[in-house]
Amino acid sequence: MAWINQEGKTKLAPGIKAVLKKYGMKGSISLRHHSTLVVTISEGLLDVISNMYEIAMTKPESYFARDKAPKPNYMQVNEHWIGDNYSGKCKDFLEALKDAMNVGNHNRSDIQTDYFDVGWYLDINIGKWDKPYQLTK
């Protein structure tokens, strides 16, 4: 069963903050239901949303290209598809952030036998619905 507490968050915080500082990003670290480690990026030097949007527009199967959806002001990163949905420094940043959030985590899941065993889940948010991501210069 996925589980992380405040002590686990405190241990991971220095590594996560180091990644944020390295890439010029500001964000917060929190827990949701003691099962998910959440990092919400509020502002920064990297235009992560535009990077994702530009790549999505080249894929006819994507929601953005198919429905000609406008570029969002906030989003949740699918950490399993960072390599396919981001490029350049944005990809490097998200991969480094994911790695810092996963220190000490495990995934011994076996979907064929319907057995799921992870240390904790990850959520990476870029902005919030009520407070959009701010690109700084």
C-alpha atoms as a PDB file:
ATOM      1  CA  MET A   1       0.000   0.000   0.000  1.00  0.00           C
ATOM      2  CA  ALA A   2       1.334   3.429  -0.950  1.00  0.00           C
ATOM      3  CA  TRP A   3       2.367   5.453   2.092  1.00  0.00           C
ATOM      4  CA  ILE A   4       4.428   8.570   2.764  1.00  0.00           C
ATOM      5  CA  ASN A   5       4.371  10.788   5.849  1.00  0.00           C
ATOM      6  CA  GLN A   6       5.751  14.199   6.833  1.00  0.00           C
ATOM      7  CA  GLU A   7       9.063  12.627   7.835  1.00  0.00           C
ATOM      8  CA  GLY A   8       9.464  11.141   4.355  1.00  0.00           C
ATOM      9  CA  LYS A   9       8.582  14.472   2.756  1.00  0.00           C
ATOM     10  CA  THR A  10      11.134  16.241   4.972  1.00  0.00           C
ATOM     11  CA  LYS A  11      13.860  13.799   3.867  1.00  0.00           C
ATOM     12  CA  LEU A  12      13.077  14.348   0.180  1.00  0.00           C
ATOM     13  CA  ALA A  13      12.656  18.149   0.379  1.00  0.00           C
ATOM     14  CA  PRO A  14      16.367  19.160   0.111  1.00  0.00           C
ATOM     15  CA  GLY A  15      16.826  17.172  -3.110  1.00  0.00           C
ATOM     16  CA  ILE A  16      13.608  18.501  -4.619  1.00  0.00           C
ATOM     17  CA  LYS A  17      14.479  22.088  -3.650  1.00  0.00           C
ATOM     18  CA  ALA A  18      17.940  21.682  -5.184  1.00  0.00           C
ATOM     19  CA  VAL A  19      16.379  20.692  -8.524  1.00  0.00           C
ATOM     20  CA  LEU A  20      13.958  23.626  -8.378  1.00  0.00           C
ATOM     21  CA  LYS A  21      16.805  26.054  -7.644  1.00  0.00           C
ATOM     22  CA  LYS A  22      19.048  24.628 -10.381  1.00  0.00           C
ATOM     23  CA  TYR A  23      16.389  25.285 -13.028  1.00  0.00           C
ATOM     24  CA  GLY A  24      15.142  28.610 -11.623  1.00  0.00           C
ATOM     25  CA  MET A  25      11.732  27.302 -10.562  1.00  0.00           C
ATOM     26  CA  LYS A  26       9.637  28.034  -7.472  1.00  0.00           C
ATOM     27  CA  GLY A  27       7.219  25.545  -6.008  1.00  0.00           C
ATOM     28  CA  SER A  28       5.775  23.863  -2.972  1.00  0.00           C
ATOM     29  CA  ILE A  29       5.945  20.306  -1.662  1.00  0.00           C
ATOM     30  CA  SER A  30       2.951  18.656  -0.031  1.00  0.00           C
ATOM     31  CA  LEU A  31       1.297  15.316   0.649  1.00  0.00           C
ATOM     32  CA  ARG A  32      -2.144  14.114  -0.381  1.00  0.00           C
ATOM     33  CA  HIS A  33      -3.879  11.399   1.655  1.00  0.00           C
ATOM     34  CA  HIS A  34      -0.513  10.069   2.911  1.00  0.00           C
ATOM     35  CA  SER A  35      -0.116   8.250  -0.393  1.00  0.00           C
ATOM     36  CA  THR A  36       1.005  10.915  -2.866  1.00  0.00           C
ATOM     37  CA  LEU A  37       3.976  13.279  -2.870  1.00  0.00           C
ATOM     38  CA  VAL A  38       2.894  16.471  -4.654  1.00  0.00           C
ATOM     39  CA  VAL A  39       5.139  19.188  -6.088  1.00  0.00           C
ATOM     40  CA  THR A  40       3.314  22.244  -7.427  1.00  0.00           C
ATOM     41  CA  ILE A  41       5.387  24.621  -9.534  1.00  0.00           C
ATOM     42  CA  SER A  42       4.062  28.174  -9.171  1.00  0.00           C
ATOM     43  CA  GLU A  43       6.556  30.153 -11.270  1.00  0.00           C
ATOM     44  CA  GLY A  44       9.831  29.798 -13.063  1.00  0.00           C
ATOM     45  CA  LEU A  45      12.165  30.439 -15.958  1.00  0.00           C
ATOM     46  CA  LEU A  46      11.033  27.453 -18.065  1.00  0.00           C
ATOM     47  CA  ASP A  47       7.875  27.630 -20.161  1.00  0.00           C
ATOM     48  CA  VAL A  48       6.851  24.040 -19.462  1.00  0.00           C
ATOM     49  CA  ILE A  49       3.242  24.495 -20.594  1.00  0.00           C
ATOM     50  CA  SER A  50       4.196  25.944 -24.000  1.00  0.00           C
ATOM     51  CA  ASN A  51       6.761  23.177 -24.463  1.00  0.00           C
ATOM     52  CA  MET A  52       4.112  20.504 -23.876  1.00  0.00           C
ATOM     53  CA  TYR A  53       1.558  22.341 -26.033  1.00  0.00           C
ATOM     54  CA  GLU A  54       3.897  22.691 -29.023  1.00  0.00           C
ATOM     55  CA  ILE A  55       4.739  18.989 -28.929  1.00  0.00           C
ATOM     56  CA  ALA A  56       1.076  17.999 -28.460  1.00  0.00           C
ATOM     57  CA  MET A  57       0.058  20.056 -31.493  1.00  0.00           C
ATOM     58  CA  THR A  58       2.319  17.886 -33.676  1.00  0.00           C
ATOM     59  CA  LYS A  59       0.504  14.717 -32.607  1.00  0.00           C
ATOM     60  CA  PRO A  60      -2.853  14.294 -34.379  1.00  0.00           C
ATOM     61  CA  GLU A  61      -4.105  11.945 -31.642  1.00  0.00           C
ATOM     62  CA  SER A  62      -3.610  14.521 -28.881  1.00  0.00           C
ATOM     63  CA  TYR A  63      -6.567  16.337 -27.374  1.00  0.00           C
ATOM     64  CA  PHE A  64      -5.013  19.704 -28.188  1.00  0.00           C
ATOM     65  CA  ALA A  65      -4.443  18.982 -31.876  1.00  0.00           C
ATOM     66  CA  ARG A  66      -7.644  17.000 -32.428  1.00  0.00           C
ATOM     67  CA  ASP A  67     -10.011  19.495 -30.775  1.00  0.00           C
ATOM     68  CA  LYS A  68      -7.894  22.617 -31.398  1.00  0.00           C
ATOM     69  CA  ALA A  69      -7.960  23.236 -27.658  1.00  0.00           C
ATOM     70  CA  PRO A  70      -6.361  26.430 -26.349  1.00  0.00           C
ATOM     71  CA  LYS A  71      -3.099  26.353 -24.419  1.00  0.00           C
ATOM     72  CA  PRO A  72      -3.852  25.822 -20.698  1.00  0.00           C
ATOM     73  CA  ASN A  73      -2.736  28.091 -17.823  1.00  0.00           C
ATOM     74  CA  TYR A  74      -2.036  25.132 -15.525  1.00  0.00           C
ATOM     75  CA  MET A  75      -1.581  21.382 -15.928  1.00  0.00           C
ATOM     76  CA  GLN A  76      -0.630  18.129 -14.293  1.00  0.00           C
ATOM     77  CA  VAL A  77       2.425  16.358 -15.687  1.00  0.00           C
ATOM     78  CA  ASN A  78       2.069  12.664 -16.531  1.00  0.00           C
ATOM     79  CA  GLU A  79       5.370  11.491 -15.056  1.00  0.00           C
ATOM     80  CA  HIS A  80       5.276   8.252 -17.076  1.00  0.00           C
ATOM     81  CA  TRP A  81       5.379  10.122 -20.426  1.00  0.00           C
ATOM     82  CA  ILE A  82       7.851  12.950 -19.784  1.00  0.00           C
ATOM     83  CA  GLY A  83      10.166  11.723 -22.550  1.00  0.00           C
ATOM     84  CA  ASP A  84       7.379  11.820 -25.148  1.00  0.00           C
ATOM     85  CA  ASN A  85       5.670  15.067 -24.158  1.00  0.00           C
ATOM     86  CA  TYR A  86       8.542  17.448 -23.353  1.00  0.00           C
ATOM     87  CA  SER A  87      11.877  18.429 -24.870  1.00  0.00           C
ATOM     88  CA  GLY A  88      15.076  20.293 -24.073  1.00  0.00           C
ATOM     89  CA  LYS A  89      15.513  21.935 -20.672  1.00  0.00           C
ATOM     90  CA  CYS A  90      11.855  21.320 -19.750  1.00  0.00           C
ATOM     91  CA  LYS A  91      12.337  17.585 -20.215  1.00  0.00           C
ATOM     92  CA  ASP A  92      15.620  17.667 -18.278  1.00  0.00           C
ATOM     93  CA  PHE A  93      13.965  19.586 -15.432  1.00  0.00           C
ATOM     94  CA  LEU A  94      10.959  17.258 -15.163  1.00  0.00           C
ATOM     95  CA  GLU A  95      13.134  14.125 -15.310  1.00  0.00           C
ATOM     96  CA  ALA A  96      15.422  15.511 -12.570  1.00  0.00           C
ATOM     97  CA  LEU A  97      12.408  16.490 -10.449  1.00  0.00           C
ATOM     98  CA  LYS A  98      10.852  13.048 -10.870  1.00  0.00           C
ATOM     99  CA  ASP A  99      14.139  11.399  -9.888  1.00  0.00           C
ATOM    100  CA  ALA A 100      14.420  13.596  -6.766  1.00  0.00           C
ATOM    101  CA  MET A 101      10.831  12.764  -5.792  1.00  0.00           C
ATOM    102  CA  ASN A 102      11.475   9.027  -6.230  1.00  0.00           C
ATOM    103  CA  VAL A 103      14.545   8.680  -3.981  1.00  0.00           C
ATOM    104  CA  GLY A 104      13.820   5.666  -1.764  1.00  0.00           C
ATOM    105  CA  ASN A 105      10.611   4.785  -3.594  1.00  0.00           C
ATOM    106  CA  HIS A 106       9.853   1.336  -4.984  1.00  0.00           C
ATOM    107  CA  ASN A 107       7.484  -0.163  -7.542  1.00  0.00           C
ATOM    108  CA  ARG A 108       6.965  -3.906  -7.269  1.00  0.00           C
ATOM    109  CA  SER A 109       3.653  -3.897  -9.100  1.00  0.00           C
ATOM    110  CA  ASP A 110       2.603  -6.746 -11.367  1.00  0.00           C
ATOM    111  CA  ILE A 111      -0.399  -5.779 -13.471  1.00  0.00           C
ATOM    112  CA  GLN A 112      -0.839  -9.300 -14.839  1.00  0.00           C
ATOM    113  CA  THR A 113      -1.739 -10.583 -11.386  1.00  0.00           C
ATOM    114  CA  ASP A 114      -3.522  -7.351 -10.385  1.00  0.00           C
ATOM    115  CA  TYR A 115      -0.942  -6.691  -7.668  1.00  0.00           C
ATOM    116  CA  PHE A 116       0.106  -3.107  -7.026  1.00  0.00           C
ATOM    117  CA  ASP A 117       2.866  -2.244  -4.585  1.00  0.00           C
ATOM    118  CA  VAL A 118       4.448   1.207  -4.701  1.00  0.00           C
ATOM    119  CA  GLY A 119       6.135   3.215  -1.974  1.00  0.00           C
ATOM    120  CA  TRP A 120       4.187   6.373  -2.866  1.00  0.00           C
ATOM    121  CA  TYR A 121       2.659   8.050  -5.886  1.00  0.00           C
ATOM    122  CA  LEU A 122       3.895  11.269  -7.525  1.00  0.00           C
ATOM    123  CA  ASP A 123       2.029  14.350  -8.733  1.00  0.00           C
ATOM    124  CA  ILE A 124       3.780  17.183 -10.535  1.00  0.00           C
ATOM    125  CA  ASN A 125       1.544  20.196 -11.073  1.00  0.00           C
ATOM    126  CA  ILE A 126       2.419  23.252 -13.140  1.00  0.00           C
ATOM    127  CA  GLY A 127       0.294  25.992 -11.587  1.00  0.00           C
ATOM    128  CA  LYS A 128      -3.157  25.518 -10.061  1.00  0.00           C
ATOM    129  CA  TRP A 129      -6.666  25.997 -11.397  1.00  0.00           C
ATOM    130  CA  ASP A 130      -7.097  29.139  -9.275  1.00  0.00           C
ATOM    131  CA  LYS A 131      -3.485  30.382  -9.571  1.00  0.00           C
ATOM    132  CA  PRO A 132      -1.974  29.855 -13.060  1.00  0.00           C
ATOM    133  CA  TYR A 133       1.708  29.193 -13.638  1.00  0.00           C
ATOM    134  CA  GLN A 134       3.745  32.397 -13.962  1.00  0.00           C
ATOM    135  CA  LEU A 135       6.645  32.529 -16.395  1.00  0.00           C
ATOM    136  CA  THR A 136       9.405  34.782 -15.011  1.00  0.00           C
ATOM    137  CA  LYS A 137      12.155  36.443 -16.961  1.00  0.00           C
END
